[in-house]
Amino acid sequence: MPKFLIQATYTPEGTKGLLSEGASGRRAAVEQVVTGLGGQVESMYFTFGEDDIVLIIDFPDPVSMAAVSLTVKASGALHTRATPLLTIDEIDEAARRQVSFRAPAP
């Protein structure tokens, strides 16, 4: 199952919601969304700094990740970034593939 790194920053309205329902409430909401699309939350951490929350999520396909991303962004409660995570085996396979490429001439 494809893995994704999610990095998110709460908007002021999203932060008010977090303060109101707590971190465990947000964890339950995330679990419900992810499992509803056949995925699994591997880990979820709140952070200090540029991002407020970091998650590693498994989804059955990238379309499921895109659906969640669009819905969450439309809520206006968070600004998010989703990064696909590749295994060592996937990178080894990519390194073995022949790619026809010519760099631009100076």
C-alpha atoms as a PDB file:
ATOM      1  CA  MET A   1       0.000   0.000   0.000  1.00  0.00           C
ATOM      2  CA  PRO A   2       1.456   3.422  -0.904  1.00  0.00           C
ATOM      3  CA  LYS A   3       2.685   5.518   2.027  1.00  0.00           C
ATOM      4  CA  PHE A   4       2.434   9.283   2.292  1.00  0.00           C
ATOM      5  CA  LEU A   5       4.065  11.830   4.579  1.00  0.00           C
ATOM      6  CA  ILE A   6       1.548  14.512   5.500  1.00  0.00           C
ATOM      7  CA  GLN A   7       2.754  17.822   6.890  1.00  0.00           C
ATOM      8  CA  ALA A   8       0.106  20.296   7.958  1.00  0.00           C
ATOM      9  CA  THR A   9      -0.276  23.703   9.544  1.00  0.00           C
ATOM     10  CA  TYR A  10      -3.487  24.713  11.271  1.00  0.00           C
ATOM     11  CA  THR A  11      -5.192  27.953  10.304  1.00  0.00           C
ATOM     12  CA  PRO A  12      -6.474  30.079  13.208  1.00  0.00           C
ATOM     13  CA  GLU A  13      -9.911  28.439  12.826  1.00  0.00           C
ATOM     14  CA  GLY A  14      -8.347  24.971  12.753  1.00  0.00           C
ATOM     15  CA  THR A  15      -6.365  25.767  15.892  1.00  0.00           C
ATOM     16  CA  LYS A  16      -9.573  26.797  17.666  1.00  0.00           C
ATOM     17  CA  GLY A  17     -11.050  23.416  16.758  1.00  0.00           C
ATOM     18  CA  LEU A  18      -7.957  21.613  18.077  1.00  0.00           C
ATOM     19  CA  LEU A  19      -8.150  23.538  21.355  1.00  0.00           C
ATOM     20  CA  SER A  20     -11.839  22.687  21.652  1.00  0.00           C
ATOM     21  CA  GLU A  21     -11.665  18.928  20.994  1.00  0.00           C
ATOM     22  CA  GLY A  22      -8.059  18.126  21.899  1.00  0.00           C
ATOM     23  CA  ALA A  23      -5.431  16.049  20.140  1.00  0.00           C
ATOM     24  CA  SER A  24      -7.224  12.748  20.788  1.00  0.00           C
ATOM     25  CA  GLY A  25     -10.327  14.138  19.083  1.00  0.00           C
ATOM     26  CA  ARG A  26      -8.303  15.074  16.027  1.00  0.00           C
ATOM     27  CA  ARG A  27      -6.656  11.627  16.000  1.00  0.00           C
ATOM     28  CA  ALA A  28     -10.103   9.996  15.992  1.00  0.00           C
ATOM     29  CA  ALA A  29     -11.256  12.255  13.136  1.00  0.00           C
ATOM     30  CA  VAL A  30      -8.153  11.445  11.069  1.00  0.00           C
ATOM     31  CA  GLU A  31      -8.547   7.711  11.735  1.00  0.00           C
ATOM     32  CA  GLN A  32     -12.173   7.827  10.610  1.00  0.00           C
ATOM     33  CA  VAL A  33     -11.344   9.574   7.327  1.00  0.00           C
ATOM     34  CA  VAL A  34      -8.345   7.383   6.508  1.00  0.00           C
ATOM     35  CA  THR A  35      -9.915   4.022   7.397  1.00  0.00           C
ATOM     36  CA  GLY A  36     -13.092   5.050   5.573  1.00  0.00           C
ATOM     37  CA  LEU A  37     -11.059   5.003   2.353  1.00  0.00           C
ATOM     38  CA  GLY A  38      -9.308   1.722   3.141  1.00  0.00           C
ATOM     39  CA  GLY A  39      -6.177   3.312   4.586  1.00  0.00           C
ATOM     40  CA  GLN A  40      -4.304   3.206   7.861  1.00  0.00           C
ATOM     41  CA  VAL A  41      -2.604   5.836  10.036  1.00  0.00           C
ATOM     42  CA  GLU A  42       0.893   4.547  10.780  1.00  0.00           C
ATOM     43  CA  SER A  43       1.889   7.485  12.965  1.00  0.00           C
ATOM     44  CA  MET A  44       0.697  10.953  13.931  1.00  0.00           C
ATOM     45  CA  TYR A  45       2.662  13.593  15.798  1.00  0.00           C
ATOM     46  CA  PHE A  46       2.047  17.187  16.777  1.00  0.00           C
ATOM     47  CA  THR A  47       5.095  19.393  16.278  1.00  0.00           C
ATOM     48  CA  PHE A  48       6.535  22.836  16.957  1.00  0.00           C
ATOM     49  CA  GLY A  49       7.792  25.066  14.179  1.00  0.00           C
ATOM     50  CA  GLU A  50       6.711  25.401  10.566  1.00  0.00           C
ATOM     51  CA  ASP A  51       4.335  22.412  10.739  1.00  0.00           C
ATOM     52  CA  ASP A  52       1.790  21.709  13.475  1.00  0.00           C
ATOM     53  CA  ILE A  53       1.202  18.046  12.676  1.00  0.00           C
ATOM     54  CA  VAL A  54       3.050  15.285  10.824  1.00  0.00           C
ATOM     55  CA  LEU A  55       1.512  11.958   9.799  1.00  0.00           C
ATOM     56  CA  ILE A  56       2.521   8.842   7.919  1.00  0.00           C
ATOM     57  CA  ILE A  57      -0.499   7.314   6.231  1.00  0.00           C
ATOM     58  CA  ASP A  58      -1.014   4.232   4.065  1.00  0.00           C
ATOM     59  CA  PHE A  59      -3.655   4.455   1.332  1.00  0.00           C
ATOM     60  CA  PRO A  60      -4.676   1.820  -1.203  1.00  0.00           C
ATOM     61  CA  ASP A  61      -3.932   4.237  -4.062  1.00  0.00           C
ATOM     62  CA  PRO A  62      -2.891   7.838  -4.805  1.00  0.00           C
ATOM     63  CA  VAL A  63      -6.458   8.760  -5.777  1.00  0.00           C
ATOM     64  CA  SER A  64      -7.603   8.111  -2.190  1.00  0.00           C
ATOM     65  CA  MET A  65      -4.844  10.418  -0.939  1.00  0.00           C
ATOM     66  CA  ALA A  66      -5.891  13.081  -3.443  1.00  0.00           C
ATOM     67  CA  ALA A  67      -9.531  12.820  -2.355  1.00  0.00           C
ATOM     68  CA  VAL A  68      -8.603  13.390   1.291  1.00  0.00           C
ATOM     69  CA  SER A  69      -6.221  16.203   0.396  1.00  0.00           C
ATOM     70  CA  LEU A  70      -8.857  18.062  -1.622  1.00  0.00           C
ATOM     71  CA  THR A  71     -11.479  17.687   1.096  1.00  0.00           C
ATOM     72  CA  VAL A  72      -9.161  18.804   3.906  1.00  0.00           C
ATOM     73  CA  LYS A  73      -7.867  21.794   1.947  1.00  0.00           C
ATOM     74  CA  ALA A  74     -11.427  22.826   1.044  1.00  0.00           C
ATOM     75  CA  SER A  75     -12.293  22.944   4.758  1.00  0.00           C
ATOM     76  CA  GLY A  76      -9.909  25.846   5.262  1.00  0.00           C
ATOM     77  CA  ALA A  77      -8.806  24.432   8.634  1.00  0.00           C
ATOM     78  CA  LEU A  78      -5.354  23.286   7.498  1.00  0.00           C
ATOM     79  CA  HIS A  79      -2.676  23.943   4.930  1.00  0.00           C
ATOM     80  CA  THR A  80      -1.242  20.556   3.947  1.00  0.00           C
ATOM     81  CA  ARG A  81       1.521  18.923   1.918  1.00  0.00           C
ATOM     82  CA  ALA A  82       1.414  15.250   0.926  1.00  0.00           C
ATOM     83  CA  THR A  83       4.665  13.569  -0.096  1.00  0.00           C
ATOM     84  CA  PRO A  84       4.705  10.031  -1.518  1.00  0.00           C
ATOM     85  CA  LEU A  85       7.150   7.802   0.372  1.00  0.00           C
ATOM     86  CA  LEU A  86       9.049   5.141  -1.574  1.00  0.00           C
ATOM     87  CA  THR A  87      10.594   1.985  -0.152  1.00  0.00           C
ATOM     88  CA  ILE A  88      14.201   0.965  -0.693  1.00  0.00           C
ATOM     89  CA  ASP A  89      13.004  -1.788  -3.045  1.00  0.00           C
ATOM     90  CA  GLU A  90      11.018   0.735  -5.102  1.00  0.00           C
ATOM     91  CA  ILE A  91      14.065   2.990  -5.475  1.00  0.00           C
ATOM     92  CA  ASP A  92      16.230  -0.025  -6.404  1.00  0.00           C
ATOM     93  CA  GLU A  93      13.679  -0.899  -9.093  1.00  0.00           C
ATOM     94  CA  ALA A  94      13.657   2.709 -10.336  1.00  0.00           C
ATOM     95  CA  ALA A  95      17.460   2.743 -10.488  1.00  0.00           C
ATOM     96  CA  ARG A  96      17.416  -0.375 -12.715  1.00  0.00           C
ATOM     97  CA  ARG A  97      15.026   1.112 -15.269  1.00  0.00           C
ATOM     98  CA  GLN A  98      16.509   2.526 -18.428  1.00  0.00           C
ATOM     99  CA  VAL A  99      15.573   6.155 -19.043  1.00  0.00           C
ATOM    100  CA  SER A 100      16.324   7.915 -22.316  1.00  0.00           C
ATOM    101  CA  PHE A 101      17.324  11.461 -21.353  1.00  0.00           C
ATOM    102  CA  ARG A 102      19.420  14.198 -22.886  1.00  0.00           C
ATOM    103  CA  ALA A 103      20.399  17.183 -20.767  1.00  0.00           C
ATOM    104  CA  PRO A 104      19.861  20.615 -22.307  1.00  0.00           C
ATOM    105  CA  ALA A 105      22.861  22.000 -24.149  1.00  0.00           C
ATOM    106  CA  PRO A 106      24.582  24.999 -22.565  1.00  0.00           C
END
